[in-house]
Amino acid sequence: MRPACNKALRDTLYQLAFTTLGRVPWARGFYDKKRKAGKSHSAALRALSNKWVPILFAMWKSGSVYEEERIIAARAA
């Protein structure tokens, strides 16, 4: 983790990652994969939050809403 980052944004992304564990199947799968690879809970959540950043940026840039089917299709391609 970078000490010179926006801590409010970092915390928000961490909470987003934690919240999606129970609601988004691909997020749970990614988290479980990281945990099986030996990562700690915090490290796995940070890795998951890093996966959310480009998704959130694309949503913001295009003005669209989250569509899980679209994300799953993009990950499969």
N, C-alpha and C. Protein backbone atom coordinates (compact mmCIF):
# COMPACT_ATOMS: atom_id res chain seq x y z
N MET A 1 0.84 -1.18 0.00
CA MET A 1 0.00 0.00 0.00
C MET A 1 0.88 1.24 0.00
N ARG A 2 0.44 2.21 -0.75
CA ARG A 2 1.17 3.47 -0.79
C ARG A 2 0.73 4.37 0.36
N PRO A 3 1.68 4.90 1.11
CA PRO A 3 1.30 5.79 2.20
C PRO A 3 0.79 7.14 1.69
N ALA A 4 1.17 7.54 0.48
CA ALA A 4 0.77 8.85 -0.05
C ALA A 4 -0.43 8.73 -0.98
N CYS A 5 -1.42 7.96 -0.58
CA CYS A 5 -2.61 7.80 -1.42
C CYS A 5 -3.80 8.50 -0.76
N ASN A 6 -4.89 8.55 -1.49
CA ASN A 6 -6.13 9.10 -0.96
C ASN A 6 -6.73 8.04 -0.03
N LYS A 7 -6.61 8.25 1.26
CA LYS A 7 -7.02 7.23 2.22
C LYS A 7 -8.53 7.00 2.25
N ALA A 8 -9.30 8.04 2.00
CA ALA A 8 -10.75 7.88 1.96
C ALA A 8 -11.15 7.01 0.78
N LEU A 9 -10.52 7.23 -0.36
CA LEU A 9 -10.81 6.40 -1.53
C LEU A 9 -10.35 4.96 -1.30
N ARG A 10 -9.18 4.81 -0.70
CA ARG A 10 -8.67 3.47 -0.40
C ARG A 10 -9.63 2.72 0.51
N ASP A 11 -10.11 3.38 1.55
CA ASP A 11 -11.05 2.75 2.47
C ASP A 11 -12.38 2.41 1.79
N THR A 12 -12.83 3.31 0.93
CA THR A 12 -14.08 3.07 0.20
C THR A 12 -13.97 1.86 -0.70
N LEU A 13 -12.86 1.74 -1.43
CA LEU A 13 -12.66 0.59 -2.31
C LEU A 13 -12.54 -0.70 -1.51
N TYR A 14 -11.90 -0.63 -0.35
CA TYR A 14 -11.77 -1.80 0.52
C TYR A 14 -13.15 -2.26 0.99
N GLN A 15 -13.99 -1.31 1.40
CA GLN A 15 -15.35 -1.64 1.84
C GLN A 15 -16.19 -2.16 0.69
N LEU A 16 -16.02 -1.60 -0.50
CA LEU A 16 -16.73 -2.09 -1.68
C LEU A 16 -16.36 -3.55 -1.93
N ALA A 17 -15.07 -3.84 -1.89
CA ALA A 17 -14.61 -5.21 -2.13
C ALA A 17 -15.22 -6.16 -1.09
N PHE A 18 -15.22 -5.76 0.17
CA PHE A 18 -15.77 -6.61 1.22
C PHE A 18 -17.27 -6.83 1.02
N THR A 19 -17.98 -5.78 0.66
CA THR A 19 -19.43 -5.86 0.47
C THR A 19 -19.79 -6.77 -0.70
N THR A 20 -18.99 -6.75 -1.74
CA THR A 20 -19.32 -7.54 -2.93
C THR A 20 -19.06 -9.04 -2.75
N LEU A 21 -18.36 -9.41 -1.70
CA LEU A 21 -18.08 -10.84 -1.49
C LEU A 21 -19.36 -11.66 -1.41
N GLY A 22 -20.38 -11.12 -0.79
CA GLY A 22 -21.62 -11.87 -0.63
C GLY A 22 -22.64 -11.63 -1.73
N ARG A 23 -22.33 -10.71 -2.65
CA ARG A 23 -23.33 -10.34 -3.66
C ARG A 23 -22.90 -10.59 -5.10
N VAL A 24 -21.61 -10.66 -5.35
CA VAL A 24 -21.11 -10.76 -6.72
C VAL A 24 -20.29 -12.05 -6.83
N PRO A 25 -20.80 -13.04 -7.58
CA PRO A 25 -20.12 -14.34 -7.65
C PRO A 25 -18.68 -14.28 -8.16
N TRP A 26 -18.40 -13.48 -9.19
CA TRP A 26 -17.03 -13.45 -9.70
C TRP A 26 -16.08 -12.84 -8.66
N ALA A 27 -16.58 -11.89 -7.87
CA ALA A 27 -15.75 -11.28 -6.82
C ALA A 27 -15.41 -12.30 -5.75
N ARG A 28 -16.41 -13.11 -5.35
CA ARG A 28 -16.17 -14.15 -4.35
C ARG A 28 -15.16 -15.17 -4.88
N GLY A 29 -15.29 -15.54 -6.16
CA GLY A 29 -14.35 -16.49 -6.75
C GLY A 29 -12.93 -15.94 -6.78
N PHE A 30 -12.79 -14.66 -7.13
CA PHE A 30 -11.48 -14.03 -7.16
C PHE A 30 -10.87 -13.99 -5.77
N TYR A 31 -11.67 -13.60 -4.78
CA TYR A 31 -11.21 -13.54 -3.39
C TYR A 31 -10.77 -14.93 -2.91
N ASP A 32 -11.60 -15.94 -3.16
CA ASP A 32 -11.26 -17.30 -2.73
C ASP A 32 -9.98 -17.79 -3.38
N LYS A 33 -9.79 -17.44 -4.64
CA LYS A 33 -8.57 -17.83 -5.36
C LYS A 33 -7.34 -17.21 -4.70
N LYS A 34 -7.44 -15.95 -4.34
CA LYS A 34 -6.33 -15.27 -3.67
C LYS A 34 -6.05 -15.88 -2.29
N ARG A 35 -7.12 -16.22 -1.56
CA ARG A 35 -6.94 -16.83 -0.23
C ARG A 35 -6.27 -18.20 -0.35
N LYS A 36 -6.67 -18.97 -1.37
CA LYS A 36 -6.05 -20.29 -1.57
C LYS A 36 -4.59 -20.15 -1.97
N ALA A 37 -4.25 -19.03 -2.58
CA ALA A 37 -2.86 -18.78 -2.98
C ALA A 37 -2.01 -18.32 -1.79
N GLY A 38 -2.62 -18.22 -0.61
CA GLY A 38 -1.87 -17.88 0.59
C GLY A 38 -1.93 -16.42 0.99
N LYS A 39 -2.73 -15.63 0.32
CA LYS A 39 -2.85 -14.22 0.68
C LYS A 39 -3.70 -14.06 1.93
N SER A 40 -3.41 -13.04 2.70
CA SER A 40 -4.21 -12.75 3.89
C SER A 40 -5.55 -12.17 3.45
N HIS A 41 -6.47 -12.08 4.41
CA HIS A 41 -7.78 -11.51 4.12
C HIS A 41 -7.64 -10.09 3.56
N SER A 42 -6.82 -9.29 4.20
CA SER A 42 -6.63 -7.90 3.76
C SER A 42 -5.99 -7.82 2.39
N ALA A 43 -5.00 -8.63 2.14
CA ALA A 43 -4.33 -8.62 0.83
C ALA A 43 -5.29 -9.07 -0.27
N ALA A 44 -6.11 -10.07 0.02
CA ALA A 44 -7.09 -10.53 -0.97
C ALA A 44 -8.13 -9.45 -1.25
N LEU A 45 -8.56 -8.73 -0.22
CA LEU A 45 -9.52 -7.64 -0.42
C LEU A 45 -8.89 -6.49 -1.21
N ARG A 46 -7.63 -6.20 -0.93
CA ARG A 46 -6.96 -5.15 -1.70
C ARG A 46 -6.84 -5.54 -3.17
N ALA A 47 -6.52 -6.80 -3.43
CA ALA A 47 -6.44 -7.27 -4.81
C ALA A 47 -7.80 -7.18 -5.49
N LEU A 48 -8.85 -7.53 -4.77
CA LEU A 48 -10.20 -7.44 -5.32
C LEU A 48 -10.58 -5.99 -5.57
N SER A 49 -10.22 -5.10 -4.66
CA SER A 49 -10.55 -3.69 -4.89
C SER A 49 -9.81 -3.16 -6.11
N ASN A 50 -8.60 -3.66 -6.36
CA ASN A 50 -7.87 -3.27 -7.57
C ASN A 50 -8.59 -3.75 -8.83
N LYS A 51 -9.30 -4.86 -8.75
CA LYS A 51 -10.10 -5.34 -9.89
C LYS A 51 -11.31 -4.43 -10.13
N TRP A 52 -11.84 -3.86 -9.07
CA TRP A 52 -13.01 -2.99 -9.20
C TRP A 52 -12.68 -1.64 -9.81
N VAL A 53 -11.47 -1.15 -9.66
CA VAL A 53 -11.12 0.19 -10.12
C VAL A 53 -11.39 0.39 -11.62
N PRO A 54 -10.90 -0.48 -12.52
CA PRO A 54 -11.19 -0.24 -13.94
C PRO A 54 -12.67 -0.38 -14.28
N ILE A 55 -13.37 -1.23 -13.54
CA ILE A 55 -14.81 -1.39 -13.77
C ILE A 55 -15.53 -0.09 -13.39
N LEU A 56 -15.20 0.45 -12.23
CA LEU A 56 -15.82 1.70 -11.78
C LEU A 56 -15.46 2.86 -12.70
N PHE A 57 -14.22 2.89 -13.15
CA PHE A 57 -13.80 3.97 -14.05
C PHE A 57 -14.56 3.90 -15.37
N ALA A 58 -14.71 2.70 -15.92
CA ALA A 58 -15.46 2.55 -17.17
C ALA A 58 -16.92 2.95 -16.99
N MET A 59 -17.50 2.59 -15.85
CA MET A 59 -18.89 2.99 -15.58
C MET A 59 -19.00 4.51 -15.49
N TRP A 60 -18.07 5.13 -14.81
CA TRP A 60 -18.08 6.58 -14.65
C TRP A 60 -17.90 7.27 -16.01
N LYS A 61 -16.94 6.76 -16.79
CA LYS A 61 -16.63 7.38 -18.08
C LYS A 61 -17.79 7.28 -19.06
N SER A 62 -18.47 6.14 -19.08
CA SER A 62 -19.57 5.94 -20.02
C SER A 62 -20.92 6.38 -19.45
N GLY A 63 -20.99 6.63 -18.15
CA GLY A 63 -22.24 7.02 -17.53
C GLY A 63 -23.22 5.86 -17.41
N SER A 64 -22.70 4.64 -17.39
CA SER A 64 -23.56 3.46 -17.33
C SER A 64 -23.65 2.93 -15.90
N VAL A 65 -24.52 1.96 -15.73
CA VAL A 65 -24.67 1.30 -14.44
C VAL A 65 -23.98 -0.06 -14.50
N TYR A 66 -23.79 -0.66 -13.34
CA TYR A 66 -23.15 -1.97 -13.26
C TYR A 66 -24.07 -3.04 -13.83
N GLU A 67 -23.55 -3.78 -14.79
CA GLU A 67 -24.27 -4.91 -15.37
C GLU A 67 -23.37 -6.13 -15.26
N GLU A 68 -23.74 -7.02 -14.36
CA GLU A 68 -22.88 -8.18 -14.08
C GLU A 68 -22.66 -9.05 -15.31
N GLU A 69 -23.69 -9.22 -16.14
CA GLU A 69 -23.54 -10.04 -17.33
C GLU A 69 -22.45 -9.49 -18.25
N ARG A 70 -22.40 -8.18 -18.33
CA ARG A 70 -21.39 -7.53 -19.17
C ARG A 70 -19.98 -7.79 -18.62
N ILE A 71 -19.82 -7.73 -17.33
CA ILE A 71 -18.52 -7.95 -16.70
C ILE A 71 -18.09 -9.41 -16.89
N ILE A 72 -19.02 -10.33 -16.70
CA ILE A 72 -18.71 -11.76 -16.86
C ILE A 72 -18.31 -12.04 -18.30
N ALA A 73 -19.04 -11.47 -19.26
CA ALA A 73 -18.70 -11.66 -20.67
C ALA A 73 -17.32 -11.10 -21.00
N ALA A 74 -17.00 -9.95 -20.43
CA ALA A 74 -15.69 -9.33 -20.69
C ALA A 74 -14.57 -10.16 -20.07
N ARG A 75 -14.81 -10.74 -18.91
CA ARG A 75 -13.79 -11.57 -18.26
C ARG A 75 -13.58 -12.88 -18.99
N ALA A 76 -14.64 -13.40 -19.65
CA ALA A 76 -14.54 -14.66 -20.37
C ALA A 76 -13.82 -14.48 -21.71
N ALA A 77 -13.87 -13.28 -22.27
CA ALA A 77 -13.27 -13.04 -23.59
C ALA A 77 -11.79 -12.92 -23.53
